[in-house]
Amino acid sequence: MSITAAMVKELREKSGAGMMDCKTALTENGGDMEAAVDWLRTKGLAKAAKKAGRVAAEGLVGVASEGNKAAVIELNSETDFVSRNDGFQELVRNVAQVAVGTDGSLEAVSGADLGGKSVSDSVTDAIATIGENMTLRRTAVLEVSEGVVATYVHSAVADGLGKIGVLVALESSGDKDKLNALGRQIAMHVAATSPLALSTDDLDQDVVERERAVFSEQARESGKPESIIEKMVEGRLRKFYEEVTLSKQAFVIDPDKTVEGAVEALAKDLGTPVKLSGFVRFALGEGIEKEETDFAAEVAAASGQ
């Protein structure tokens, strides 16, 4: 397969490795981008795992809560300018509030009643009024039978509206004010660290096996015996778990504790069990590639040049 300059550039952006190393990696792996990233990692030439890429979608993330339940939604628009529009902000706020009364699925939220119309129809009306395309991209709800679902919005533009929305569920019969205080701190932690899963058991096994394969190849290149390699791999996996699972991460509010340790400390203070049972983190435009355009070419085209 012919390796193009664009492919090399893309791999460099994903991995941070040098141009020649990227070209070699692509050549060795037949142009397969993900395999090339892993190849670079096994050679110690790239940092792990977070794919680069410019966020595309604009708009807002909204959160709302009621009792022991909370919702987070993402409503996208074409430009960031719209996120400052009062009508758009009110729409996001209302959709989030409506979402609390549903099971959290996109289908249920889209079909829910909002002022006599479905949420879907309300979004369509807003498109006509504001003049930009909009999409209700995703929705989620967390609920506990007893305890709290704490919320946090990062880069807030108004109450409950911003660029990152987080929900954290703590199950307990203890003091709700103390539970909510810790839950909000954990939500702030989640906004900052973007964990992949709540615990090791919740991790996507495909992700785990991919890491294991990379660590194994790295260890084998050290020339050590298989018995030592196995221990090296398990040690690196434990470190990986500490980095990507919420319960095992060092708590950003108090790095001497893990998040799990902070929950245990609160349980001791309250004199009753506390369980961190779930979290949701929505970052605006996450995972959507933005179409890159040549602004100079657009201006020239518009002026008839």
Protein backbone atom coordinates (compact mmCIF):
# COMPACT_ATOMS: atom_id res chain seq x y z
CA MET A 1 0.00 0.00 0.00
CA SER A 2 1.26 3.47 -0.86
CA ILE A 3 1.92 5.56 2.26
CA THR A 4 0.86 9.16 1.67
CA ALA A 5 2.05 12.33 3.38
CA ALA A 6 -1.47 12.82 4.75
CA MET A 7 -1.34 9.40 6.43
CA VAL A 8 2.03 10.20 7.99
CA LYS A 9 0.71 13.55 9.22
CA GLU A 10 -2.37 11.90 10.75
CA LEU A 11 -0.27 9.30 12.56
CA ARG A 12 2.09 11.98 13.84
CA GLU A 13 -0.89 13.88 15.28
CA LYS A 14 -2.23 10.71 16.90
CA SER A 15 1.06 9.52 18.36
CA GLY A 16 3.39 12.49 18.75
CA ALA A 17 6.15 10.42 17.12
CA GLY A 18 8.59 11.76 14.50
CA MET A 19 7.74 11.88 10.81
CA MET A 20 10.21 9.17 9.76
CA ASP A 21 9.14 6.89 12.60
CA CYS A 22 5.51 7.38 11.56
CA LYS A 23 6.32 6.53 7.93
CA THR A 24 8.18 3.39 9.03
CA ALA A 25 5.32 2.36 11.31
CA LEU A 26 2.78 2.72 8.50
CA THR A 27 5.01 0.83 6.07
CA GLU A 28 5.53 -2.01 8.55
CA ASN A 29 1.79 -2.30 9.14
CA GLY A 30 0.47 -1.95 5.60
CA GLY A 31 -1.04 1.47 6.22
CA ASP A 32 -3.21 0.30 9.16
CA MET A 33 -3.39 3.42 11.39
CA GLU A 34 -4.29 1.72 14.66
CA ALA A 35 -1.72 -1.04 14.18
CA ALA A 36 0.88 1.64 13.42
CA VAL A 37 0.04 3.44 16.67
CA ASP A 38 0.54 0.19 18.59
CA TRP A 39 3.80 -0.50 16.70
CA LEU A 40 5.12 2.92 17.73
CA ARG A 41 4.13 2.27 21.31
CA THR A 42 5.94 -1.07 21.41
CA LYS A 43 9.06 0.74 20.23
CA GLY A 44 8.62 3.38 22.92
CA LEU A 45 8.06 6.04 20.28
CA ALA A 46 4.51 7.04 21.14
CA LYS A 47 2.45 7.62 24.23
CA ALA A 48 -0.54 5.39 24.83
CA ALA A 49 -3.90 5.35 23.75
CA LYS A 50 -5.76 8.59 23.54
CA LYS A 51 -6.56 9.30 19.94
CA ALA A 52 -5.98 12.83 18.83
CA GLY A 53 -8.47 14.68 16.71
CA ARG A 54 -10.13 18.01 16.73
CA VAL A 55 -13.55 18.21 18.35
CA ALA A 56 -16.13 19.12 15.80
CA ALA A 57 -19.54 19.71 17.31
CA GLU A 58 -20.52 22.93 19.03
CA GLY A 59 -23.49 23.52 21.31
CA LEU A 60 -23.94 22.72 25.00
CA VAL A 61 -24.07 19.91 27.54
CA GLY A 62 -26.88 20.28 30.06
CA VAL A 63 -27.49 18.62 33.43
CA ALA A 64 -30.58 18.53 35.64
CA SER A 65 -31.54 16.65 38.79
CA GLU A 66 -34.57 15.84 40.86
CA GLY A 67 -34.53 13.81 44.07
CA ASN A 68 -32.28 10.77 43.71
CA LYS A 69 -32.06 11.05 39.92
CA ALA A 70 -30.15 13.21 37.45
CA ALA A 71 -29.76 13.54 33.69
CA VAL A 72 -27.13 14.82 31.28
CA ILE A 73 -27.74 15.63 27.63
CA GLU A 74 -25.73 16.95 24.68
CA LEU A 75 -27.38 19.23 22.13
CA ASN A 76 -25.14 20.14 19.21
CA SER A 77 -25.21 23.18 16.96
CA GLU A 78 -23.12 24.28 14.00
CA THR A 79 -21.34 27.18 15.71
CA ASP A 80 -20.21 28.12 19.19
CA PHE A 81 -22.04 31.42 18.77
CA VAL A 82 -25.37 29.62 19.16
CA SER A 83 -24.38 28.33 22.62
CA ARG A 84 -24.64 31.95 23.82
CA ASN A 85 -28.15 32.34 22.40
CA ASP A 86 -30.74 32.62 25.20
CA GLY A 87 -33.27 30.55 23.27
CA PHE A 88 -30.77 27.74 22.68
CA GLN A 89 -29.71 27.74 26.32
CA GLU A 90 -33.34 27.54 27.45
CA LEU A 91 -33.92 24.62 25.08
CA VAL A 92 -30.92 22.68 26.43
CA ARG A 93 -31.99 23.39 30.02
CA ASN A 94 -35.56 22.24 29.34
CA VAL A 95 -34.50 19.07 27.50
CA ALA A 96 -32.21 18.12 30.41
CA GLN A 97 -35.05 18.65 32.88
CA VAL A 98 -37.43 16.56 30.75
CA ALA A 99 -34.78 13.82 30.48
CA VAL A 100 -34.85 13.33 34.28
CA GLY A 101 -38.36 11.93 33.93
CA THR A 102 -37.31 9.28 31.39
CA ASP A 103 -35.16 6.14 31.37
CA GLY A 104 -32.36 8.19 29.85
CA SER A 105 -32.38 6.60 26.41
CA LEU A 106 -32.10 8.92 23.42
CA GLU A 107 -35.35 7.53 22.00
CA ALA A 108 -37.26 8.19 25.22
CA VAL A 109 -35.91 11.73 25.63
CA SER A 110 -36.54 12.60 21.98
CA GLY A 111 -40.16 11.49 22.28
CA ALA A 112 -40.82 13.07 25.68
CA ASP A 113 -43.29 15.94 26.01
CA LEU A 114 -41.86 19.44 26.14
CA GLY A 115 -44.53 22.13 26.36
CA GLY A 116 -47.07 20.19 24.32
CA LYS A 117 -44.62 19.03 21.68
CA SER A 118 -42.07 16.24 21.59
CA VAL A 119 -38.47 17.15 22.34
CA SER A 120 -37.65 16.17 18.75
CA ASP A 121 -40.22 18.60 17.34
CA SER A 122 -39.04 21.32 19.73
CA VAL A 123 -35.51 20.94 18.39
CA THR A 124 -36.87 21.16 14.82
CA ASP A 125 -38.70 24.37 15.71
CA ALA A 126 -35.50 25.81 17.21
CA ILE A 127 -33.65 25.04 13.97
CA ALA A 128 -36.16 27.15 12.05
CA THR A 129 -36.06 29.96 14.64
CA ILE A 130 -32.31 30.16 15.26
CA GLY A 131 -31.26 29.27 11.73
CA GLU A 132 -28.70 26.54 12.43
CA ASN A 133 -28.84 22.79 12.26
CA MET A 134 -29.08 21.13 15.70
CA THR A 135 -28.87 17.56 16.90
CA LEU A 136 -29.78 15.96 20.20
CA ARG A 137 -26.74 13.70 20.13
CA ARG A 138 -26.88 11.69 23.38
CA THR A 139 -28.60 11.47 26.75
CA ALA A 140 -28.11 9.57 30.01
CA VAL A 141 -29.71 9.22 33.43
CA LEU A 142 -28.39 7.92 36.75
CA GLU A 143 -30.65 7.03 39.70
CA VAL A 144 -30.11 5.58 43.18
CA SER A 145 -32.73 4.05 45.45
CA GLU A 146 -31.07 5.74 48.43
CA GLY A 147 -28.31 8.33 48.37
CA VAL A 148 -27.47 11.05 45.84
CA VAL A 149 -26.62 11.63 42.21
CA ALA A 150 -24.24 14.59 42.29
CA THR A 151 -23.73 16.81 39.25
CA TYR A 152 -20.99 19.08 37.96
CA VAL A 153 -20.67 21.28 34.88
CA HIS A 154 -17.27 22.44 33.69
CA SER A 155 -16.81 25.61 31.61
CA ALA A 156 -20.32 26.63 32.60
CA VAL A 157 -22.00 29.37 30.57
CA ALA A 158 -25.10 29.32 32.78
CA ASP A 159 -26.51 27.24 35.62
CA GLY A 160 -26.44 23.57 34.54
CA LEU A 161 -25.05 24.35 31.08
CA GLY A 162 -21.48 24.07 29.81
CA LYS A 163 -18.88 22.13 27.85
CA ILE A 164 -18.52 19.09 30.15
CA GLY A 165 -21.30 17.55 32.25
CA VAL A 166 -20.76 14.84 34.87
CA LEU A 167 -23.07 12.72 37.01
CA VAL A 168 -21.81 10.65 39.96
CA ALA A 169 -24.01 8.20 41.89
CA LEU A 170 -23.34 7.46 45.57
CA GLU A 171 -25.58 4.91 47.29
CA SER A 172 -25.93 5.32 51.06
CA SER A 173 -28.38 6.02 53.86
CA GLY A 174 -25.96 8.61 55.27
CA ASP A 175 -26.17 12.40 55.45
CA LYS A 176 -27.12 13.66 51.98
CA ASP A 177 -25.27 16.95 52.29
CA LYS A 178 -21.98 15.14 52.98
CA LEU A 179 -22.69 12.61 50.25
CA ASN A 180 -23.42 15.37 47.76
CA ALA A 181 -20.27 17.28 48.75
CA LEU A 182 -18.05 14.26 48.05
CA GLY A 183 -20.09 13.36 44.97
CA ARG A 184 -19.50 16.80 43.50
CA GLN A 185 -15.76 16.55 44.21
CA ILE A 186 -15.66 13.16 42.49
CA ALA A 187 -17.61 14.64 39.57
CA MET A 188 -14.99 17.40 39.28
CA HIS A 189 -12.32 14.68 39.35
CA VAL A 190 -14.11 12.81 36.53
CA ALA A 191 -14.30 16.01 34.46
CA ALA A 192 -10.54 16.42 34.83
CA THR A 193 -9.36 12.82 34.37
CA SER A 194 -11.94 11.25 32.03
CA PRO A 195 -11.72 7.68 33.40
CA LEU A 196 -12.60 4.83 31.05
CA ALA A 197 -14.58 2.82 33.61
CA LEU A 198 -15.75 2.71 37.21
CA SER A 199 -13.64 -0.32 38.13
CA THR A 200 -11.34 -2.91 36.56
CA ASP A 201 -14.29 -5.28 36.06
CA ASP A 202 -16.11 -2.63 34.02
CA LEU A 203 -13.29 -2.04 31.54
CA ASP A 204 -13.84 -3.04 27.92
CA GLN A 205 -11.90 -6.30 27.57
CA ASP A 206 -10.85 -5.36 24.04
CA VAL A 207 -9.09 -2.32 25.50
CA VAL A 208 -7.43 -4.47 28.18
CA GLU A 209 -6.22 -7.04 25.66
CA ARG A 210 -4.86 -4.34 23.39
CA GLU A 211 -2.84 -2.90 26.28
CA ARG A 212 -1.68 -6.38 27.28
CA ALA A 213 -0.43 -7.03 23.74
CA VAL A 214 1.51 -3.77 23.63
CA PHE A 215 3.03 -4.34 27.08
CA SER A 216 3.97 -7.92 26.16
CA GLU A 217 5.77 -6.82 23.00
CA GLN A 218 7.58 -4.07 24.88
CA ALA A 219 8.68 -6.55 27.57
CA ARG A 220 9.88 -9.13 25.01
CA GLU A 221 12.07 -6.53 23.36
CA SER A 222 13.93 -6.26 26.67
CA GLY A 223 15.21 -9.82 26.08
CA LYS A 224 14.15 -11.05 29.50
CA PRO A 225 12.83 -14.62 30.15
CA GLU A 226 9.12 -15.35 29.71
CA SER A 227 8.62 -15.76 33.47
CA ILE A 228 9.93 -12.24 34.05
CA ILE A 229 8.01 -10.87 31.06
CA GLU A 230 4.73 -12.10 32.54
CA LYS A 231 5.42 -10.29 35.81
CA MET A 232 6.41 -7.14 33.93
CA VAL A 233 3.17 -7.21 31.93
CA GLU A 234 1.00 -7.71 35.02
CA GLY A 235 2.78 -4.84 36.75
CA ARG A 236 2.19 -2.53 33.81
CA LEU A 237 -1.46 -3.58 33.62
CA ARG A 238 -1.92 -2.74 37.30
CA LYS A 239 -0.50 0.70 36.59
CA PHE A 240 -2.83 1.04 33.60
CA TYR A 241 -5.83 0.18 35.80
CA GLU A 242 -4.78 2.85 38.30
CA GLU A 243 -4.67 5.40 35.51
CA VAL A 244 -7.99 4.65 33.77
CA THR A 245 -10.45 3.27 36.37
CA LEU A 246 -12.20 5.84 38.54
CA SER A 247 -12.08 3.87 41.78
CA LYS A 248 -8.30 3.29 41.54
CA GLN A 249 -7.27 6.77 40.37
CA ALA A 250 -5.47 9.12 42.75
CA PHE A 251 -8.14 11.57 43.92
CA VAL A 252 -7.32 14.99 42.46
CA ILE A 253 -8.75 16.72 45.54
CA ASP A 254 -6.48 14.68 47.83
CA PRO A 255 -3.82 12.76 45.82
CA ASP A 256 -2.74 10.82 48.93
CA LYS A 257 -6.02 8.89 48.60
CA THR A 258 -7.57 7.00 45.72
CA VAL A 259 -11.16 7.84 44.82
CA GLU A 260 -12.08 4.50 46.37
CA GLY A 261 -10.22 5.53 49.53
CA ALA A 262 -12.08 8.84 49.70
CA VAL A 263 -15.41 6.99 49.53
CA GLU A 264 -14.27 4.62 52.29
CA ALA A 265 -13.22 7.59 54.45
CA LEU A 266 -16.67 9.15 54.06
CA ALA A 267 -18.33 5.85 54.96
CA LYS A 268 -16.25 5.75 58.15
CA ASP A 269 -17.19 9.36 58.95
CA LEU A 270 -20.90 8.68 58.36
CA GLY A 271 -20.87 5.34 60.17
CA THR A 272 -22.70 3.67 57.30
CA PRO A 273 -21.71 2.06 53.98
CA VAL A 274 -21.22 4.28 50.91
CA LYS A 275 -21.03 2.80 47.41
CA LEU A 276 -19.79 4.62 44.33
CA SER A 277 -22.20 2.97 41.91
CA GLY A 278 -21.81 4.85 38.64
CA PHE A 279 -20.74 7.92 36.69
CA VAL A 280 -21.41 9.55 33.34
CA ARG A 281 -19.20 12.12 31.62
CA PHE A 282 -20.24 13.99 28.49
CA ALA A 283 -17.71 16.33 26.86
CA LEU A 284 -19.10 18.50 24.08
CA GLY A 285 -18.31 17.16 20.61
CA GLU A 286 -16.32 14.23 21.99
CA GLY A 287 -15.37 11.77 19.27
CA ILE A 288 -16.65 13.83 16.35
CA GLU A 289 -14.06 14.82 13.78
CA LYS A 290 -14.31 18.43 12.67
CA GLU A 291 -14.18 18.96 8.93
CA GLU A 292 -11.12 21.05 8.19
CA THR A 293 -11.51 23.73 5.56
CA ASP A 294 -9.13 26.07 3.81
CA PHE A 295 -10.42 29.48 4.92
CA ALA A 296 -8.42 31.37 2.29
CA ALA A 297 -9.86 29.15 -0.43
CA GLU A 298 -13.39 29.72 0.91
CA VAL A 299 -12.90 33.50 0.80
CA ALA A 300 -11.49 33.30 -2.73
CA ALA A 301 -14.41 31.16 -3.86
CA ALA A 302 -16.94 33.50 -2.27
CA SER A 303 -15.37 36.52 -3.99
CA GLY A 304 -15.28 34.75 -7.35
CA GLN A 305 -11.49 34.56 -7.53
